[in-house]
Amino acid sequence: MMIYKGGNGLNPNEAVTIIGATDELEGIDSEFIWIEEKYGDQDNDWELIDQKLVEVEGIKYDQLRIKLLNGEIKEIWFDITEFYGK
């Protein structure tokens, strides 16, 4: 069972932490589930602009930028340290 902790994901200090992913694929799927719960369906409500790995002081983050229907760009940070490399 996946657990989401942390903040709103809008910066590294408020990153969403994913706990319980058995591997990277499950962890990344969980990121998209979280985004869809917050911003709606990827096919209809937002599109992925880019995604990259960022490491800060030993913490691994997945940083995604999405574009909402209204044109607004959101940067979303996930702490993926627990499942990175599994």
N, C-alpha and C. Protein backbone atom coordinates (compact mmCIF):
# COMPACT_ATOMS: atom_id res chain seq x y z
N MET A 1 0.85 -1.19 0.00
CA MET A 1 0.00 0.00 0.00
C MET A 1 0.88 1.24 0.00
N MET A 2 0.57 2.15 -0.90
CA MET A 2 1.35 3.37 -1.05
C MET A 2 0.85 4.42 -0.06
N ILE A 3 1.80 5.10 0.55
CA ILE A 3 1.49 6.19 1.48
C ILE A 3 2.18 7.44 0.97
N TYR A 4 1.45 8.56 0.99
CA TYR A 4 2.00 9.85 0.60
C TYR A 4 2.15 10.69 1.86
N LYS A 5 3.35 11.20 2.07
CA LYS A 5 3.59 12.10 3.20
C LYS A 5 4.25 13.37 2.68
N GLY A 6 4.44 14.30 3.57
CA GLY A 6 5.12 15.53 3.18
C GLY A 6 4.14 16.64 2.90
N GLY A 7 4.52 17.49 1.98
CA GLY A 7 3.73 18.69 1.72
C GLY A 7 2.99 18.65 0.41
N ASN A 8 2.87 19.84 -0.19
CA ASN A 8 2.09 20.00 -1.41
C ASN A 8 2.89 19.72 -2.68
N GLY A 9 4.19 19.47 -2.55
CA GLY A 9 5.02 19.11 -3.69
C GLY A 9 5.51 20.27 -4.53
N LEU A 10 5.24 21.50 -4.14
CA LEU A 10 5.56 22.63 -5.00
C LEU A 10 7.02 23.09 -4.92
N ASN A 11 7.79 22.52 -4.00
CA ASN A 11 9.23 22.81 -3.93
C ASN A 11 9.89 21.68 -3.14
N PRO A 12 11.21 21.60 -3.14
CA PRO A 12 11.88 20.49 -2.45
C PRO A 12 11.55 20.41 -0.95
N ASN A 13 11.39 21.55 -0.30
CA ASN A 13 11.07 21.56 1.13
C ASN A 13 9.67 21.03 1.41
N GLU A 14 8.79 21.07 0.43
CA GLU A 14 7.42 20.59 0.55
C GLU A 14 7.17 19.36 -0.31
N ALA A 15 8.24 18.62 -0.63
CA ALA A 15 8.13 17.46 -1.52
C ALA A 15 7.17 16.42 -0.98
N VAL A 16 6.50 15.75 -1.88
CA VAL A 16 5.65 14.62 -1.54
C VAL A 16 6.57 13.41 -1.41
N THR A 17 6.52 12.74 -0.27
CA THR A 17 7.33 11.55 -0.05
C THR A 17 6.45 10.32 -0.29
N ILE A 18 6.95 9.43 -1.14
CA ILE A 18 6.23 8.21 -1.45
C ILE A 18 6.84 7.08 -0.64
N ILE A 19 6.01 6.43 0.15
CA ILE A 19 6.46 5.34 1.02
C ILE A 19 5.71 4.07 0.65
N GLY A 20 6.45 2.98 0.51
CA GLY A 20 5.83 1.69 0.25
C GLY A 20 5.98 1.17 -1.16
N ALA A 21 6.64 1.91 -2.03
CA ALA A 21 6.84 1.41 -3.40
C ALA A 21 7.87 0.29 -3.37
N THR A 22 7.57 -0.79 -4.07
CA THR A 22 8.48 -1.93 -4.08
C THR A 22 9.63 -1.76 -5.07
N ASP A 23 9.44 -0.88 -6.06
CA ASP A 23 10.49 -0.61 -7.04
C ASP A 23 10.24 0.74 -7.71
N GLU A 24 11.14 1.12 -8.62
CA GLU A 24 11.02 2.43 -9.26
C GLU A 24 9.75 2.55 -10.10
N LEU A 25 9.37 1.50 -10.81
CA LEU A 25 8.17 1.58 -11.65
C LEU A 25 6.93 1.84 -10.82
N GLU A 26 6.80 1.14 -9.72
CA GLU A 26 5.65 1.35 -8.84
C GLU A 26 5.70 2.76 -8.24
N GLY A 27 6.88 3.22 -7.89
CA GLY A 27 7.03 4.56 -7.34
C GLY A 27 6.64 5.64 -8.33
N ILE A 28 7.09 5.51 -9.57
CA ILE A 28 6.76 6.50 -10.59
C ILE A 28 5.27 6.46 -10.90
N ASP A 29 4.70 5.27 -10.98
CA ASP A 29 3.24 5.17 -11.17
C ASP A 29 2.51 5.91 -10.06
N SER A 30 3.02 5.79 -8.83
CA SER A 30 2.40 6.46 -7.69
C SER A 30 2.47 7.98 -7.81
N GLU A 31 3.55 8.49 -8.41
CA GLU A 31 3.65 9.93 -8.63
C GLU A 31 2.51 10.41 -9.52
N PHE A 32 2.27 9.68 -10.61
CA PHE A 32 1.22 10.09 -11.54
C PHE A 32 -0.18 9.93 -10.92
N ILE A 33 -0.36 8.92 -10.08
CA ILE A 33 -1.63 8.78 -9.36
C ILE A 33 -1.86 9.99 -8.46
N TRP A 34 -0.80 10.42 -7.73
CA TRP A 34 -0.92 11.58 -6.84
C TRP A 34 -1.29 12.83 -7.65
N ILE A 35 -0.60 13.02 -8.77
CA ILE A 35 -0.88 14.20 -9.60
C ILE A 35 -2.32 14.16 -10.12
N GLU A 36 -2.76 13.00 -10.57
CA GLU A 36 -4.13 12.90 -11.08
C GLU A 36 -5.17 13.13 -9.98
N GLU A 37 -4.87 12.71 -8.76
CA GLU A 37 -5.80 12.98 -7.65
C GLU A 37 -5.88 14.47 -7.36
N LYS A 38 -4.80 15.18 -7.57
CA LYS A 38 -4.76 16.61 -7.25
C LYS A 38 -5.18 17.50 -8.43
N TYR A 39 -4.76 17.13 -9.65
CA TYR A 39 -4.94 18.01 -10.81
C TYR A 39 -5.84 17.44 -11.90
N GLY A 40 -6.34 16.24 -11.73
CA GLY A 40 -7.23 15.65 -12.72
C GLY A 40 -6.51 14.70 -13.67
N ASP A 41 -7.23 14.26 -14.65
CA ASP A 41 -6.77 13.25 -15.59
C ASP A 41 -5.69 13.80 -16.53
N GLN A 42 -4.62 13.03 -16.70
CA GLN A 42 -3.52 13.48 -17.57
C GLN A 42 -3.99 13.70 -19.00
N ASP A 43 -4.88 12.89 -19.50
CA ASP A 43 -5.32 13.03 -20.89
C ASP A 43 -6.21 14.25 -21.12
N ASN A 44 -6.86 14.74 -20.07
CA ASN A 44 -7.83 15.81 -20.25
C ASN A 44 -7.50 17.11 -19.52
N ASP A 45 -6.76 17.04 -18.40
CA ASP A 45 -6.61 18.21 -17.53
C ASP A 45 -5.21 18.79 -17.46
N TRP A 46 -4.20 18.00 -17.81
CA TRP A 46 -2.83 18.50 -17.75
C TRP A 46 -1.94 17.65 -18.64
N GLU A 47 -0.77 18.20 -18.98
CA GLU A 47 0.20 17.44 -19.76
C GLU A 47 1.57 17.54 -19.12
N LEU A 48 2.34 16.49 -19.23
CA LEU A 48 3.69 16.46 -18.70
C LEU A 48 4.61 17.23 -19.65
N ILE A 49 5.35 18.20 -19.10
CA ILE A 49 6.32 18.94 -19.90
C ILE A 49 7.68 18.24 -19.84
N ASP A 50 8.14 17.96 -18.62
CA ASP A 50 9.39 17.23 -18.46
C ASP A 50 9.49 16.65 -17.06
N GLN A 51 10.48 15.79 -16.90
CA GLN A 51 10.68 15.07 -15.65
C GLN A 51 12.18 14.83 -15.51
N LYS A 52 12.72 15.11 -14.31
CA LYS A 52 14.16 14.88 -14.14
C LYS A 52 14.48 14.51 -12.70
N LEU A 53 15.59 13.82 -12.55
CA LEU A 53 16.12 13.44 -11.25
C LEU A 53 16.98 14.58 -10.72
N VAL A 54 16.75 14.96 -9.47
CA VAL A 54 17.54 16.00 -8.82
C VAL A 54 17.98 15.44 -7.47
N GLU A 55 19.26 15.59 -7.14
CA GLU A 55 19.74 15.14 -5.83
C GLU A 55 20.24 16.36 -5.05
N VAL A 56 19.75 16.49 -3.83
CA VAL A 56 20.14 17.59 -2.95
C VAL A 56 20.49 17.00 -1.60
N GLU A 57 21.75 17.13 -1.21
CA GLU A 57 22.23 16.66 0.09
C GLU A 57 21.81 15.22 0.37
N GLY A 58 21.98 14.35 -0.61
CA GLY A 58 21.70 12.94 -0.45
C GLY A 58 20.25 12.53 -0.62
N ILE A 59 19.37 13.49 -0.78
CA ILE A 59 17.95 13.19 -1.01
C ILE A 59 17.70 13.21 -2.51
N LYS A 60 17.07 12.17 -3.00
CA LYS A 60 16.77 12.07 -4.42
C LYS A 60 15.32 12.50 -4.66
N TYR A 61 15.18 13.41 -5.60
CA TYR A 61 13.87 13.94 -5.96
C TYR A 61 13.57 13.65 -7.42
N ASP A 62 12.31 13.42 -7.70
CA ASP A 62 11.83 13.42 -9.06
C ASP A 62 11.07 14.73 -9.22
N GLN A 63 11.55 15.56 -10.13
CA GLN A 63 10.93 16.87 -10.36
C GLN A 63 10.16 16.80 -11.68
N LEU A 64 8.87 17.04 -11.62
CA LEU A 64 8.04 17.04 -12.81
C LEU A 64 7.48 18.43 -13.03
N ARG A 65 7.40 18.82 -14.29
CA ARG A 65 6.72 20.06 -14.65
C ARG A 65 5.53 19.68 -15.51
N ILE A 66 4.37 20.18 -15.11
CA ILE A 66 3.15 19.91 -15.86
C ILE A 66 2.51 21.23 -16.28
N LYS A 67 1.74 21.16 -17.35
CA LYS A 67 1.01 22.33 -17.83
C LYS A 67 -0.48 22.03 -17.69
N LEU A 68 -1.16 22.89 -16.94
CA LEU A 68 -2.61 22.75 -16.74
C LEU A 68 -3.36 23.30 -17.95
N LEU A 69 -4.63 22.98 -18.05
CA LEU A 69 -5.45 23.44 -19.17
C LEU A 69 -5.45 24.96 -19.33
N ASN A 70 -5.38 25.67 -18.20
CA ASN A 70 -5.41 27.14 -18.25
C ASN A 70 -4.05 27.73 -18.63
N GLY A 71 -3.06 26.86 -18.92
CA GLY A 71 -1.73 27.32 -19.32
C GLY A 71 -0.75 27.45 -18.18
N GLU A 72 -1.22 27.33 -16.95
CA GLU A 72 -0.35 27.45 -15.79
C GLU A 72 0.62 26.27 -15.72
N ILE A 73 1.88 26.58 -15.43
CA ILE A 73 2.90 25.56 -15.28
C ILE A 73 3.09 25.28 -13.79
N LYS A 74 3.06 24.01 -13.41
CA LYS A 74 3.29 23.60 -12.02
C LYS A 74 4.55 22.74 -11.99
N GLU A 75 5.39 23.01 -11.01
CA GLU A 75 6.56 22.19 -10.74
C GLU A 75 6.22 21.35 -9.52
N ILE A 76 6.36 20.03 -9.65
CA ILE A 76 5.98 19.13 -8.56
C ILE A 76 7.18 18.28 -8.19
N TRP A 77 7.48 18.24 -6.88
CA TRP A 77 8.64 17.53 -6.36
C TRP A 77 8.20 16.33 -5.55
N PHE A 78 8.84 15.18 -5.84
CA PHE A 78 8.61 13.95 -5.09
C PHE A 78 9.94 13.49 -4.50
N ASP A 79 9.94 13.17 -3.21
CA ASP A 79 11.10 12.56 -2.58
C ASP A 79 11.03 11.07 -2.90
N ILE A 80 11.97 10.60 -3.73
CA ILE A 80 11.95 9.22 -4.20
C ILE A 80 13.09 8.40 -3.58
N THR A 81 13.70 8.92 -2.55
CA THR A 81 14.87 8.29 -1.93
C THR A 81 14.58 6.84 -1.54
N GLU A 82 13.40 6.58 -1.00
CA GLU A 82 13.10 5.24 -0.49
C GLU A 82 13.10 4.17 -1.58
N PHE A 83 12.61 4.50 -2.78
CA PHE A 83 12.50 3.48 -3.81
C PHE A 83 13.49 3.64 -4.97
N TYR A 84 14.26 4.72 -4.97
CA TYR A 84 15.20 4.94 -6.07
C TYR A 84 16.24 3.81 -6.13
N GLY A 85 16.42 3.24 -7.31
CA GLY A 85 17.41 2.19 -7.49
C GLY A 85 16.92 0.79 -7.17
N LYS A 86 15.67 0.63 -6.79
CA LYS A 86 15.14 -0.71 -6.48
C LYS A 86 14.66 -1.39 -7.75
